[in-house]
C-alpha cells in the first residue's frame, strides 16, 4: 500500500514540474510573438 502512495506522490510532483515547464514555455512563446 505504501508503495502505491509513493508512486502517486512521485507522479503528482512530476505532473506539477511538467505543468510549470509548459507555463514557462508558453510565456516564452508569447514574448516571441509580440
N, C-alpha and C. Protein backbone atom coordinates (compact mmCIF):
# COMPACT_ATOMS: atom_id res chain seq x y z
N UNK A 1 0.83 -1.20 0.00
CA UNK A 1 0.00 0.00 0.00
C UNK A 1 0.86 1.26 0.00
N UNK A 2 1.93 1.25 0.79
CA UNK A 2 2.80 2.43 0.85
C UNK A 2 3.46 2.68 -0.50
N UNK A 3 3.83 1.60 -1.19
CA UNK A 3 4.47 1.75 -2.50
C UNK A 3 3.58 2.54 -3.44
N UNK A 4 2.29 2.18 -3.44
CA UNK A 4 1.35 2.87 -4.34
C UNK A 4 1.28 4.35 -3.99
N UNK A 5 1.22 4.67 -2.70
CA UNK A 5 1.15 6.07 -2.29
C UNK A 5 2.41 6.82 -2.72
N UNK A 6 3.56 6.15 -2.61
CA UNK A 6 4.81 6.80 -3.03
C UNK A 6 4.78 7.08 -4.53
N UNK A 7 4.32 6.09 -5.29
CA UNK A 7 4.27 6.28 -6.75
C UNK A 7 3.33 7.42 -7.11
N UNK A 8 2.19 7.48 -6.42
CA UNK A 8 1.24 8.57 -6.68
C UNK A 8 1.89 9.91 -6.36
N UNK A 9 2.62 9.97 -5.25
CA UNK A 9 3.28 11.22 -4.88
C UNK A 9 4.32 11.59 -5.94
N UNK A 10 5.07 10.61 -6.43
CA UNK A 10 6.07 10.88 -7.46
C UNK A 10 5.41 11.39 -8.74
N UNK A 11 4.32 10.73 -9.14
CA UNK A 11 3.63 11.16 -10.35
C UNK A 11 3.07 12.56 -10.19
N UNK A 12 2.54 12.86 -9.01
CA UNK A 12 1.97 14.18 -8.78
C UNK A 12 3.03 15.25 -8.90
N UNK A 13 4.19 15.03 -8.28
CA UNK A 13 5.24 16.04 -8.35
C UNK A 13 5.77 16.16 -9.77
N UNK A 14 5.80 15.04 -10.49
CA UNK A 14 6.25 15.10 -11.88
C UNK A 14 5.26 15.90 -12.71
N UNK A 15 3.97 15.66 -12.49
CA UNK A 15 2.93 16.43 -13.18
C UNK A 15 3.12 17.92 -12.94
N UNK A 16 3.38 18.29 -11.69
CA UNK A 16 3.49 19.70 -11.36
C UNK A 16 4.71 20.33 -12.03
N UNK A 17 5.83 19.59 -12.10
CA UNK A 17 7.01 20.16 -12.74
C UNK A 17 6.79 20.28 -14.24
N UNK A 18 6.10 19.32 -14.83
CA UNK A 18 5.78 19.41 -16.26
C UNK A 18 4.87 20.61 -16.51
N UNK A 19 3.89 20.79 -15.61
CA UNK A 19 2.95 21.90 -15.76
C UNK A 19 3.68 23.23 -15.72
N UNK A 20 4.60 23.39 -14.77
CA UNK A 20 5.31 24.67 -14.67
C UNK A 20 6.23 24.86 -15.87
N UNK A 21 6.77 23.74 -16.40
CA UNK A 21 7.60 23.84 -17.60
C UNK A 21 6.77 24.34 -18.77
N UNK A 22 5.58 23.78 -18.93
CA UNK A 22 4.68 24.19 -20.02
C UNK A 22 4.34 25.67 -19.89
N UNK A 23 4.03 26.11 -18.67
CA UNK A 23 3.70 27.52 -18.46
C UNK A 23 4.89 28.40 -18.84
N UNK A 24 6.10 27.98 -18.46
CA UNK A 24 7.29 28.75 -18.81
C UNK A 24 7.44 28.83 -20.32
N UNK A 25 7.27 27.70 -21.00
CA UNK A 25 7.40 27.68 -22.45
C UNK A 25 6.34 28.56 -23.11
N UNK A 26 5.11 28.53 -22.58
CA UNK A 26 4.05 29.35 -23.15
C UNK A 26 4.38 30.82 -23.04
N UNK A 27 4.92 31.24 -21.90
CA UNK A 27 5.23 32.66 -21.74
C UNK A 27 6.39 33.04 -22.66
N UNK A 28 7.33 32.11 -22.90
CA UNK A 28 8.41 32.38 -23.85
C UNK A 28 7.84 32.59 -25.25
N UNK A 29 6.94 31.71 -25.65
CA UNK A 29 6.34 31.81 -26.98
C UNK A 29 5.60 33.14 -27.13
N UNK A 30 4.85 33.52 -26.10
CA UNK A 30 4.10 34.77 -26.18
C UNK A 30 5.03 35.96 -26.32
N UNK A 31 6.16 35.94 -25.61
CA UNK A 31 7.07 37.07 -25.71
C UNK A 31 7.74 37.09 -27.09
N UNK A 32 7.90 35.92 -27.71
CA UNK A 32 8.47 35.88 -29.05
C UNK A 32 7.49 36.41 -30.09
N UNK A 33 6.21 36.19 -29.87
CA UNK A 33 5.20 36.59 -30.85
C UNK A 33 4.92 38.08 -30.82
N UNK A 34 5.28 38.75 -29.74
CA UNK A 34 4.94 40.17 -29.63
C UNK A 34 5.72 41.01 -30.62
